[in-house]
Amino acid sequence: MANVSLGSTDRGRRAWSLVGFAAYVAACLTFAPMPSGSTLFAQDATKQAPAPAANPAPAEAAPTPAAAGDSQSSAPPKRSLLKWAIDASGPIGFFLLCLSIYFTALVIKLFMELRVSEAVPAGLVEKLELAIKDRKFQEAYDVCRDNDSFLARLVRSGVANLPNGRAEAKEAMNATQDEIVTSMEARISYLAIIGTLGPMIGLVGTIAGMIASFQEIATAAGAQPKPEKVAEGISTALFITLEGVSLSVPAIFFFAMFRNRIALMAMESAKVADRTIVALLAAAKQPKQPSTT
């Protein structure tokens, strides 16, 4: 019995010893410091990387932040399109601007004056018809004398020459009509002048800009010409050309439109004036009706 108990006691001690050794190993594995993944990868890369050359070429020094800041600060500031156009246009562009202001004011004035309603006022036509109906010929002449419209001037000249016959009155009205039309066309001729001068002034700006660009290229003395200077001359040429054409196109359009409007005014005024003279002659030939008491 004693042998059996001793054997079992030894086996129990060995089992507990194995358990303690396993616990010790586990504790060591748990709390022992392990190398990080980056260290392992760095070691692997060191093993796999080839040996460096004996005399490696020195690498170029990277620009410092201060140098990068200096290069950024030296860059020219960005300009808006309007500021760019003003700088590129120069004095020629300023002259075109003044010319465009005059052109706008002239067009507005001609729009207000060259109208059929101004040439043939409805109130004047009504007064003439009423005076002729009542056989008040002197009153009809006085109404035209106090008015300065196209129709009033034609009727006034026709009535003044009516004692010499209808043919003389018609001829006098035609002469007056030609005089009025000539004066009106002289006023709108400024639009034709602006329409002709616009491209010519733009051409002057084009030549000036191209001369400035080629001067920069020619005076570079074998070095690389500055692109911003060349571009500045080209932009001057293009902007002034654009401004000149932009002024010329509407000027030619309004000149043609006002010329057609003058022709319409002359036609309407002559038609109403001729009808007025015919009505006045017919009223003058009618016997005067005796007044009833």
C-alpha atoms as a PDB file:
ATOM      1  CA  MET A   1       0.000   0.000   0.000  1.00  0.00           C
ATOM      2  CA  ALA A   2       2.858   2.311   0.857  1.00  0.00           C
ATOM      3  CA  ASN A   3       4.454   1.827  -2.614  1.00  0.00           C
ATOM      4  CA  VAL A   4       1.206   2.641  -4.358  1.00  0.00           C
ATOM      5  CA  SER A   5       0.766   5.861  -2.448  1.00  0.00           C
ATOM      6  CA  LEU A   6       4.326   6.962  -3.055  1.00  0.00           C
ATOM      7  CA  GLY A   7       4.068   6.339  -6.780  1.00  0.00           C
ATOM      8  CA  SER A   8       0.899   8.311  -7.072  1.00  0.00           C
ATOM      9  CA  THR A   9       2.439  11.157  -5.110  1.00  0.00           C
ATOM     10  CA  ASP A  10       5.448  11.358  -7.491  1.00  0.00           C
ATOM     11  CA  ARG A  11       3.198  11.368 -10.526  1.00  0.00           C
ATOM     12  CA  GLY A  12       1.186  14.226  -9.011  1.00  0.00           C
ATOM     13  CA  ARG A  13       4.315  16.245  -8.361  1.00  0.00           C
ATOM     14  CA  ARG A  14       5.569  15.779 -11.924  1.00  0.00           C
ATOM     15  CA  ALA A  15       2.173  16.803 -13.275  1.00  0.00           C
ATOM     16  CA  TRP A  16       2.141  19.950 -11.198  1.00  0.00           C
ATOM     17  CA  SER A  17       5.714  20.652 -12.250  1.00  0.00           C
ATOM     18  CA  LEU A  18       4.745  20.416 -15.961  1.00  0.00           C
ATOM     19  CA  VAL A  19       1.761  22.699 -15.324  1.00  0.00           C
ATOM     20  CA  GLY A  20       3.958  25.252 -13.584  1.00  0.00           C
ATOM     21  CA  PHE A  21       6.547  25.154 -16.393  1.00  0.00           C
ATOM     22  CA  ALA A  22       3.830  25.667 -19.025  1.00  0.00           C
ATOM     23  CA  ALA A  23       2.430  28.594 -17.030  1.00  0.00           C
ATOM     24  CA  TYR A  24       5.896  30.120 -16.787  1.00  0.00           C
ATOM     25  CA  VAL A  25       6.480  29.814 -20.550  1.00  0.00           C
ATOM     26  CA  ALA A  26       3.074  31.351 -21.244  1.00  0.00           C
ATOM     27  CA  ALA A  27       3.818  34.241 -18.930  1.00  0.00           C
ATOM     28  CA  CYS A  28       7.148  34.856 -20.597  1.00  0.00           C
ATOM     29  CA  LEU A  29       5.592  34.870 -24.060  1.00  0.00           C
ATOM     30  CA  THR A  30       2.851  37.215 -22.902  1.00  0.00           C
ATOM     31  CA  PHE A  31       4.898  39.873 -21.168  1.00  0.00           C
ATOM     32  CA  ALA A  32       8.117  39.736 -23.219  1.00  0.00           C
ATOM     33  CA  PRO A  33       8.694  42.840 -25.492  1.00  0.00           C
ATOM     34  CA  MET A  34       8.056  42.086 -29.230  1.00  0.00           C
ATOM     35  CA  PRO A  35       9.530  44.044 -32.164  1.00  0.00           C
ATOM     36  CA  SER A  36       6.994  46.260 -34.007  1.00  0.00           C
ATOM     37  CA  GLY A  37       5.803  45.588 -37.568  1.00  0.00           C
ATOM     38  CA  SER A  38       7.600  48.616 -38.944  1.00  0.00           C
ATOM     39  CA  THR A  39      10.865  47.390 -37.461  1.00  0.00           C
ATOM     40  CA  LEU A  40      10.394  43.998 -39.026  1.00  0.00           C
ATOM     41  CA  PHE A  41       9.539  45.468 -42.401  1.00  0.00           C
ATOM     42  CA  ALA A  42      12.532  47.787 -42.179  1.00  0.00           C
ATOM     43  CA  GLN A  43      14.802  44.856 -41.438  1.00  0.00           C
ATOM     44  CA  ASP A  44      13.388  42.891 -44.356  1.00  0.00           C
ATOM     45  CA  ALA A  45      13.828  45.845 -46.670  1.00  0.00           C
ATOM     46  CA  THR A  46      17.394  46.242 -45.494  1.00  0.00           C
ATOM     47  CA  LYS A  47      18.114  42.636 -46.259  1.00  0.00           C
ATOM     48  CA  GLN A  48      16.494  42.788 -49.708  1.00  0.00           C
ATOM     49  CA  ALA A  49      17.825  46.203 -50.807  1.00  0.00           C
ATOM     50  CA  PRO A  50      21.027  46.181 -52.836  1.00  0.00           C
ATOM     51  CA  ALA A  51      24.131  47.767 -51.467  1.00  0.00           C
ATOM     52  CA  PRO A  52      24.525  51.462 -52.280  1.00  0.00           C
ATOM     53  CA  ALA A  53      27.051  52.615 -54.826  1.00  0.00           C
ATOM     54  CA  ALA A  54      30.478  53.584 -53.731  1.00  0.00           C
ATOM     55  CA  ASN A  55      30.194  57.279 -54.641  1.00  0.00           C
ATOM     56  CA  PRO A  56      26.550  58.254 -54.838  1.00  0.00           C
ATOM     57  CA  ALA A  57      25.740  61.499 -56.611  1.00  0.00           C
ATOM     58  CA  PRO A  58      24.723  64.227 -54.222  1.00  0.00           C
ATOM     59  CA  ALA A  59      20.990  64.883 -54.376  1.00  0.00           C
ATOM     60  CA  GLU A  60      19.777  68.347 -55.197  1.00  0.00           C
ATOM     61  CA  ALA A  61      18.715  70.269 -52.175  1.00  0.00           C
ATOM     62  CA  ALA A  62      14.964  70.621 -51.919  1.00  0.00           C
ATOM     63  CA  PRO A  63      13.699  74.167 -51.927  1.00  0.00           C
ATOM     64  CA  THR A  64      13.136  75.503 -48.492  1.00  0.00           C
ATOM     65  CA  PRO A  65       9.713  76.863 -47.514  1.00  0.00           C
ATOM     66  CA  ALA A  66      11.114  80.370 -47.535  1.00  0.00           C
ATOM     67  CA  ALA A  67      12.302  79.984 -51.143  1.00  0.00           C
ATOM     68  CA  ALA A  68       8.924  78.581 -52.174  1.00  0.00           C
ATOM     69  CA  GLY A  69       7.215  81.515 -50.516  1.00  0.00           C
ATOM     70  CA  ASP A  70       9.472  83.955 -52.346  1.00  0.00           C
ATOM     71  CA  SER A  71       8.660  82.367 -55.716  1.00  0.00           C
ATOM     72  CA  GLN A  72       4.949  82.577 -54.984  1.00  0.00           C
ATOM     73  CA  SER A  73       5.167  86.165 -53.834  1.00  0.00           C
ATOM     74  CA  SER A  74       7.112  87.158 -56.952  1.00  0.00           C
ATOM     75  CA  ALA A  75       4.289  85.939 -59.228  1.00  0.00           C
ATOM     76  CA  PRO A  76       2.231  88.847 -60.654  1.00  0.00           C
ATOM     77  CA  PRO A  77      -1.235  89.282 -59.133  1.00  0.00           C
ATOM     78  CA  LYS A  78      -4.198  88.236 -61.224  1.00  0.00           C
ATOM     79  CA  ARG A  79      -6.173  90.999 -62.930  1.00  0.00           C
ATOM     80  CA  SER A  80      -9.831  91.056 -63.827  1.00  0.00           C
ATOM     81  CA  LEU A  81     -10.891  91.210 -67.461  1.00  0.00           C
ATOM     82  CA  LEU A  82     -12.058  94.817 -67.094  1.00  0.00           C
ATOM     83  CA  LYS A  83      -8.780  95.925 -65.525  1.00  0.00           C
ATOM     84  CA  TRP A  84      -6.880  94.052 -68.209  1.00  0.00           C
ATOM     85  CA  ALA A  85      -8.905  95.737 -70.970  1.00  0.00           C
ATOM     86  CA  ILE A  86      -8.342  99.197 -69.466  1.00  0.00           C
ATOM     87  CA  ASP A  87      -4.591  98.647 -69.136  1.00  0.00           C
ATOM     88  CA  ALA A  88      -4.302  97.212 -72.646  1.00  0.00           C
ATOM     89  CA  SER A  89      -6.420  99.899 -74.352  1.00  0.00           C
ATOM     90  CA  GLY A  90      -4.426 102.890 -73.183  1.00  0.00           C
ATOM     91  CA  PRO A  91      -5.045 106.383 -74.608  1.00  0.00           C
ATOM     92  CA  ILE A  92      -6.501 105.036 -77.855  1.00  0.00           C
ATOM     93  CA  GLY A  93      -9.082 103.103 -75.886  1.00  0.00           C
ATOM     94  CA  PHE A  94      -9.904 106.246 -73.880  1.00  0.00           C
ATOM     95  CA  PHE A  95     -10.510 108.145 -77.121  1.00  0.00           C
ATOM     96  CA  LEU A  96     -12.809 105.361 -78.331  1.00  0.00           C
ATOM     97  CA  LEU A  97     -14.664 105.503 -75.019  1.00  0.00           C
ATOM     98  CA  CYS A  98     -15.289 109.252 -75.412  1.00  0.00           C
ATOM     99  CA  LEU A  99     -16.392 108.675 -78.996  1.00  0.00           C
ATOM    100  CA  SER A 100     -18.811 105.959 -77.887  1.00  0.00           C
ATOM    101  CA  ILE A 101     -20.342 108.319 -75.288  1.00  0.00           C
ATOM    102  CA  TYR A 102     -20.920 110.937 -77.977  1.00  0.00           C
ATOM    103  CA  PHE A 103     -22.351 108.260 -80.273  1.00  0.00           C
ATOM    104  CA  THR A 104     -24.812 107.108 -77.592  1.00  0.00           C
ATOM    105  CA  ALA A 105     -25.993 110.668 -76.876  1.00  0.00           C
ATOM    106  CA  LEU A 106     -26.427 111.372 -80.604  1.00  0.00           C
ATOM    107  CA  VAL A 107     -28.478 108.208 -81.168  1.00  0.00           C
ATOM    108  CA  ILE A 108     -30.790 109.041 -78.245  1.00  0.00           C
ATOM    109  CA  LYS A 109     -31.299 112.581 -79.555  1.00  0.00           C
ATOM    110  CA  LEU A 110     -32.057 111.374 -83.086  1.00  0.00           C
ATOM    111  CA  PHE A 111     -34.507 108.811 -81.743  1.00  0.00           C
ATOM    112  CA  MET A 112     -36.448 111.603 -80.033  1.00  0.00           C
ATOM    113  CA  GLU A 113     -36.431 113.986 -82.999  1.00  0.00           C
ATOM    114  CA  LEU A 114     -36.667 111.822 -86.119  1.00  0.00           C
ATOM    115  CA  ARG A 115     -40.182 110.478 -85.705  1.00  0.00           C
ATOM    116  CA  VAL A 116     -43.177 110.596 -88.023  1.00  0.00           C
ATOM    117  CA  SER A 117     -45.315 111.929 -85.175  1.00  0.00           C
ATOM    118  CA  GLU A 118     -42.903 114.859 -84.844  1.00  0.00           C
ATOM    119  CA  ALA A 119     -42.819 115.507 -88.594  1.00  0.00           C
ATOM    120  CA  VAL A 120     -46.619 115.307 -89.003  1.00  0.00           C
ATOM    121  CA  PRO A 121     -48.190 116.352 -85.679  1.00  0.00           C
ATOM    122  CA  ALA A 122     -51.762 115.178 -85.299  1.00  0.00           C
ATOM    123  CA  GLY A 123     -52.783 118.421 -83.597  1.00  0.00           C
ATOM    124  CA  LEU A 124     -51.493 120.514 -86.495  1.00  0.00           C
ATOM    125  CA  VAL A 125     -53.350 118.407 -89.062  1.00  0.00           C
ATOM    126  CA  GLU A 126     -56.571 118.785 -87.098  1.00  0.00           C
ATOM    127  CA  LYS A 127     -56.203 122.583 -86.846  1.00  0.00           C
ATOM    128  CA  LEU A 128     -55.497 122.897 -90.565  1.00  0.00           C
ATOM    129  CA  GLU A 129     -58.531 120.828 -91.515  1.00  0.00           C
ATOM    130  CA  LEU A 130     -60.741 122.857 -89.212  1.00  0.00           C
ATOM    131  CA  ALA A 131     -59.438 126.195 -90.509  1.00  0.00           C
ATOM    132  CA  ILE A 132     -59.858 125.164 -94.150  1.00  0.00           C
ATOM    133  CA  LYS A 133     -63.357 123.886 -93.473  1.00  0.00           C
ATOM    134  CA  ASP A 134     -64.293 127.244 -91.955  1.00  0.00           C
ATOM    135  CA  ARG A 135     -62.515 129.097 -94.830  1.00  0.00           C
ATOM    136  CA  LYS A 136     -60.151 130.765 -92.377  1.00  0.00           C
ATOM    137  CA  PHE A 137     -57.104 130.759 -94.649  1.00  0.00           C
ATOM    138  CA  GLN A 138     -55.120 133.329 -92.703  1.00  0.00           C
ATOM    139  CA  GLU A 139     -55.592 131.288 -89.543  1.00  0.00           C
ATOM    140  CA  ALA A 140     -54.293 128.185 -91.350  1.00  0.00           C
ATOM    141  CA  TYR A 141     -51.178 130.106 -92.377  1.00  0.00           C
ATOM    142  CA  ASP A 142     -50.690 131.464 -88.848  1.00  0.00           C
ATOM    143  CA  VAL A 143     -50.916 127.949 -87.398  1.00  0.00           C
ATOM    144  CA  CYS A 144     -48.106 126.794 -89.720  1.00  0.00           C
ATOM    145  CA  ARG A 145     -46.042 129.884 -89.013  1.00  0.00           C
ATOM    146  CA  ASP A 146     -46.055 129.229 -85.275  1.00  0.00           C
ATOM    147  CA  ASN A 147     -45.009 125.588 -85.785  1.00  0.00           C
ATOM    148  CA  ASP A 148     -41.593 124.342 -86.884  1.00  0.00           C
ATOM    149  CA  SER A 149     -42.439 120.777 -87.873  1.00  0.00           C
ATOM    150  CA  PHE A 150     -41.741 119.244 -91.265  1.00  0.00           C
ATOM    151  CA  LEU A 151     -45.380 119.530 -92.321  1.00  0.00           C
ATOM    152  CA  ALA A 152     -45.741 123.134 -91.120  1.00  0.00           C
ATOM    153  CA  ARG A 153     -42.735 124.294 -93.117  1.00  0.00           C
ATOM    154  CA  LEU A 154     -44.009 122.611 -96.274  1.00  0.00           C
ATOM    155  CA  VAL A 155     -47.526 124.035 -95.951  1.00  0.00           C
ATOM    156  CA  ARG A 156     -46.158 127.485 -95.099  1.00  0.00           C
ATOM    157  CA  SER A 157     -44.025 127.603 -98.235  1.00  0.00           C
ATOM    158  CA  GLY A 158     -46.882 126.224-100.354  1.00  0.00           C
ATOM    159  CA  VAL A 159     -49.411 128.762 -99.080  1.00  0.00           C
ATOM    160  CA  ALA A 160     -46.932 131.611 -99.566  1.00  0.00           C
ATOM    161  CA  ASN A 161     -46.505 130.678-103.260  1.00  0.00           C
ATOM    162  CA  LEU A 162     -50.117 129.666-103.876  1.00  0.00           C
ATOM    163  CA  PRO A 163     -51.106 133.001-105.505  1.00  0.00           C
ATOM    164  CA  ASN A 164     -48.695 132.136-108.341  1.00  0.00           C
ATOM    165  CA  GLY A 165     -50.520 128.898-109.040  1.00  0.00           C
ATOM    166  CA  ARG A 166     -50.576 125.350-107.795  1.00  0.00           C
ATOM    167  CA  ALA A 167     -47.499 124.406-109.835  1.00  0.00           C
ATOM    168  CA  GLU A 168     -45.463 127.154-108.190  1.00  0.00           C
ATOM    169  CA  ALA A 169     -46.710 126.085-104.757  1.00  0.00           C
ATOM    170  CA  LYS A 170     -45.770 122.470-105.505  1.00  0.00           C
ATOM    171  CA  GLU A 171     -42.309 123.475-106.666  1.00  0.00           C
ATOM    172  CA  ALA A 172     -41.766 125.610-103.562  1.00  0.00           C
ATOM    173  CA  MET A 173     -42.781 122.706-101.316  1.00  0.00           C
ATOM    174  CA  ASN A 174     -40.385 120.365-103.139  1.00  0.00           C
ATOM    175  CA  ALA A 175     -37.526 122.826-102.667  1.00  0.00           C
ATOM    176  CA  THR A 176     -38.345 123.159 -98.972  1.00  0.00           C
ATOM    177  CA  GLN A 177     -38.552 119.380 -98.642  1.00  0.00           C
ATOM    178  CA  ASP A 178     -35.089 118.950-100.203  1.00  0.00           C
ATOM    179  CA  GLU A 179     -33.689 121.568 -97.864  1.00  0.00           C
ATOM    180  CA  ILE A 180     -35.122 119.882 -94.753  1.00  0.00           C
ATOM    181  CA  VAL A 181     -34.000 116.404 -95.852  1.00  0.00           C
ATOM    182  CA  THR A 182     -30.487 117.680 -96.557  1.00  0.00           C
ATOM    183  CA  SER A 183     -30.230 119.220 -93.089  1.00  0.00           C
ATOM    184  CA  MET A 184     -31.466 115.997 -91.472  1.00  0.00           C
ATOM    185  CA  GLU A 185     -29.053 113.849 -93.443  1.00  0.00           C
ATOM    186  CA  ALA A 186     -26.229 116.170 -92.417  1.00  0.00           C
ATOM    187  CA  ARG A 187     -27.096 115.448 -88.784  1.00  0.00           C
ATOM    188  CA  ILE A 188     -27.042 111.695 -89.214  1.00  0.00           C
ATOM    189  CA  SER A 189     -23.858 111.830 -91.304  1.00  0.00           C
ATOM    190  CA  TYR A 190     -21.884 111.868 -88.033  1.00  0.00           C
ATOM    191  CA  LEU A 191     -22.992 108.273 -87.538  1.00  0.00           C
ATOM    192  CA  ALA A 192     -21.482 107.360 -90.891  1.00  0.00           C
ATOM    193  CA  ILE A 193     -18.253 109.126 -89.914  1.00  0.00           C
ATOM    194  CA  ILE A 194     -18.092 107.169 -86.640  1.00  0.00           C
ATOM    195  CA  GLY A 195     -18.804 103.928 -88.496  1.00  0.00           C
ATOM    196  CA  THR A 196     -15.929 104.642 -90.873  1.00  0.00           C
ATOM    197  CA  LEU A 197     -13.439 105.824 -88.254  1.00  0.00           C
ATOM    198  CA  GLY A 198     -14.044 102.941 -85.824  1.00  0.00           C
ATOM    199  CA  PRO A 199     -12.135 100.254 -87.775  1.00  0.00           C
ATOM    200  CA  MET A 200      -9.430 102.758 -88.731  1.00  0.00           C
ATOM    201  CA  ILE A 201      -8.783 103.657 -85.086  1.00  0.00           C
ATOM    202  CA  GLY A 202      -8.813  99.953 -84.247  1.00  0.00           C
ATOM    203  CA  LEU A 203      -6.232  99.390 -86.982  1.00  0.00           C
ATOM    204  CA  VAL A 204      -4.004 102.045 -85.424  1.00  0.00           C
ATOM    205  CA  GLY A 205      -4.208 100.175 -82.111  1.00  0.00           C
ATOM    206  CA  THR A 206      -3.446  96.886 -83.866  1.00  0.00           C
ATOM    207  CA  ILE A 207      -0.304  98.302 -85.463  1.00  0.00           C
ATOM    208  CA  ALA A 208       0.825  99.886 -82.190  1.00  0.00           C
ATOM    209  CA  GLY A 209       0.370  96.628 -80.268  1.00  0.00           C
ATOM    210  CA  MET A 210       2.195  94.524 -82.851  1.00  0.00           C
ATOM    211  CA  ILE A 211       5.063  97.012 -82.946  1.00  0.00           C
ATOM    212  CA  ALA A 212       5.382  96.747 -79.147  1.00  0.00           C
ATOM    213  CA  SER A 213       5.414  92.939 -79.311  1.00  0.00           C
ATOM    214  CA  PHE A 214       8.017  92.722 -82.063  1.00  0.00           C
ATOM    215  CA  GLN A 215      10.114  95.368 -80.351  1.00  0.00           C
ATOM    216  CA  GLU A 216      10.292  93.139 -77.271  1.00  0.00           C
ATOM    217  CA  ILE A 217      11.386  90.203 -79.424  1.00  0.00           C
ATOM    218  CA  ALA A 218      13.930  92.252 -81.378  1.00  0.00           C
ATOM    219  CA  THR A 219      15.534  93.856 -78.326  1.00  0.00           C
ATOM    220  CA  ALA A 220      15.931  90.586 -76.428  1.00  0.00           C
ATOM    221  CA  ALA A 221      19.557  90.466 -77.676  1.00  0.00           C
ATOM    222  CA  GLY A 222      19.677  86.705 -78.130  1.00  0.00           C
ATOM    223  CA  ALA A 223      17.984  85.994 -74.814  1.00  0.00           C
ATOM    224  CA  GLN A 224      14.501  84.645 -74.352  1.00  0.00           C
ATOM    225  CA  PRO A 225      11.964  87.514 -74.698  1.00  0.00           C
ATOM    226  CA  LYS A 226       9.605  88.010 -71.825  1.00  0.00           C
ATOM    227  CA  PRO A 227       6.301  86.299 -72.666  1.00  0.00           C
ATOM    228  CA  GLU A 228       4.273  88.745 -70.595  1.00  0.00           C
ATOM    229  CA  LYS A 229       5.625  91.690 -72.603  1.00  0.00           C
ATOM    230  CA  VAL A 230       4.852  90.019 -75.922  1.00  0.00           C
ATOM    231  CA  ALA A 231       1.371  89.073 -74.705  1.00  0.00           C
ATOM    232  CA  GLU A 232       0.792  92.633 -73.518  1.00  0.00           C
ATOM    233  CA  GLY A 233       1.404  94.038 -77.000  1.00  0.00           C
ATOM    234  CA  ILE A 234      -0.824  91.424 -78.620  1.00  0.00           C
ATOM    235  CA  SER A 235      -3.608  92.082 -76.108  1.00  0.00           C
ATOM    236  CA  THR A 236      -3.371  95.809 -76.853  1.00  0.00           C
ATOM    237  CA  ALA A 237      -3.804  95.096 -80.557  1.00  0.00           C
ATOM    238  CA  LEU A 238      -6.760  92.783 -80.030  1.00  0.00           C
ATOM    239  CA  PHE A 239      -8.602  94.919 -77.469  1.00  0.00           C
ATOM    240  CA  ILE A 240      -8.401  98.134 -79.496  1.00  0.00           C
ATOM    241  CA  THR A 241      -9.468  96.318 -82.653  1.00  0.00           C
ATOM    242  CA  LEU A 242     -12.450  94.862 -80.800  1.00  0.00           C
ATOM    243  CA  GLU A 243     -13.423  98.265 -79.415  1.00  0.00           C
ATOM    244  CA  GLY A 244     -13.190  99.946 -82.817  1.00  0.00           C
ATOM    245  CA  VAL A 245     -15.313  97.309 -84.538  1.00  0.00           C
ATOM    246  CA  SER A 246     -17.806  97.267 -81.658  1.00  0.00           C
ATOM    247  CA  LEU A 247     -18.320 101.004 -82.162  1.00  0.00           C
ATOM    248  CA  SER A 248     -18.451 100.840 -85.950  1.00  0.00           C
ATOM    249  CA  VAL A 249     -21.117  98.142 -86.337  1.00  0.00           C
ATOM    250  CA  PRO A 250     -23.941  99.891 -84.405  1.00  0.00           C
ATOM    251  CA  ALA A 251     -23.004 103.251 -85.971  1.00  0.00           C
ATOM    252  CA  ILE A 252     -23.507 101.883 -89.484  1.00  0.00           C
ATOM    253  CA  PHE A 253     -26.749 100.198 -88.436  1.00  0.00           C
ATOM    254  CA  PHE A 254     -28.262 103.351 -86.896  1.00  0.00           C
ATOM    255  CA  PHE A 255     -27.162 105.458 -89.872  1.00  0.00           C
ATOM    256  CA  ALA A 256     -29.087 103.215 -92.264  1.00  0.00           C
ATOM    257  CA  MET A 257     -32.095 103.100 -89.940  1.00  0.00           C
ATOM    258  CA  PHE A 258     -32.302 106.896 -89.519  1.00  0.00           C
ATOM    259  CA  ARG A 259     -31.825 107.462 -93.236  1.00  0.00           C
ATOM    260  CA  ASN A 260     -34.837 105.261 -93.953  1.00  0.00           C
ATOM    261  CA  ARG A 261     -36.776 107.067 -91.238  1.00  0.00           C
ATOM    262  CA  ILE A 262     -36.000 110.447 -92.840  1.00  0.00           C
ATOM    263  CA  ALA A 263     -37.281 109.171 -96.177  1.00  0.00           C
ATOM    264  CA  LEU A 264     -40.504 108.014 -94.495  1.00  0.00           C
ATOM    265  CA  MET A 265     -40.926 111.374 -92.746  1.00  0.00           C
ATOM    266  CA  ALA A 266     -40.425 113.258 -96.016  1.00  0.00           C
ATOM    267  CA  MET A 267     -42.956 111.064 -97.829  1.00  0.00           C
ATOM    268  CA  GLU A 268     -45.640 111.416 -95.149  1.00  0.00           C
ATOM    269  CA  SER A 269     -45.100 115.178 -94.792  1.00  0.00           C
ATOM    270  CA  ALA A 270     -45.243 115.766 -98.555  1.00  0.00           C
ATOM    271  CA  LYS A 271     -48.408 113.696 -98.867  1.00  0.00           C
ATOM    272  CA  VAL A 272     -50.259 115.561 -96.096  1.00  0.00           C
ATOM    273  CA  ALA A 273     -48.979 118.953 -97.305  1.00  0.00           C
ATOM    274  CA  ASP A 274     -50.134 118.306-100.881  1.00  0.00           C
ATOM    275  CA  ARG A 275     -53.528 117.188 -99.595  1.00  0.00           C
ATOM    276  CA  THR A 276     -53.782 120.345 -97.510  1.00  0.00           C
ATOM    277  CA  ILE A 277     -52.986 122.615-100.480  1.00  0.00           C
ATOM    278  CA  VAL A 278     -55.567 120.823-102.644  1.00  0.00           C
ATOM    279  CA  ALA A 279     -58.212 121.181 -99.919  1.00  0.00           C
ATOM    280  CA  LEU A 280     -57.336 124.865 -99.505  1.00  0.00           C
ATOM    281  CA  LEU A 281     -57.701 125.529-103.254  1.00  0.00           C
ATOM    282  CA  ALA A 282     -60.999 123.676-103.342  1.00  0.00           C
ATOM    283  CA  ALA A 283     -62.293 125.684-100.389  1.00  0.00           C
ATOM    284  CA  ALA A 284     -61.160 128.948-101.981  1.00  0.00           C
ATOM    285  CA  LYS A 285     -63.011 128.166-105.237  1.00  0.00           C
ATOM    286  CA  GLN A 286     -66.266 127.482-103.473  1.00  0.00           C
ATOM    287  CA  PRO A 287     -68.628 130.453-103.387  1.00  0.00           C
ATOM    288  CA  LYS A 288     -69.075 131.984-100.034  1.00  0.00           C
ATOM    289  CA  GLN A 289     -72.430 131.123 -98.588  1.00  0.00           C
ATOM    290  CA  PRO A 290     -74.491 134.110 -97.500  1.00  0.00           C
ATOM    291  CA  SER A 291     -75.068 134.353 -93.830  1.00  0.00           C
ATOM    292  CA  THR A 292     -78.678 133.858 -92.718  1.00  0.00           C
ATOM    293  CA  THR A 293     -80.202 136.406 -90.409  1.00  0.00           C
END
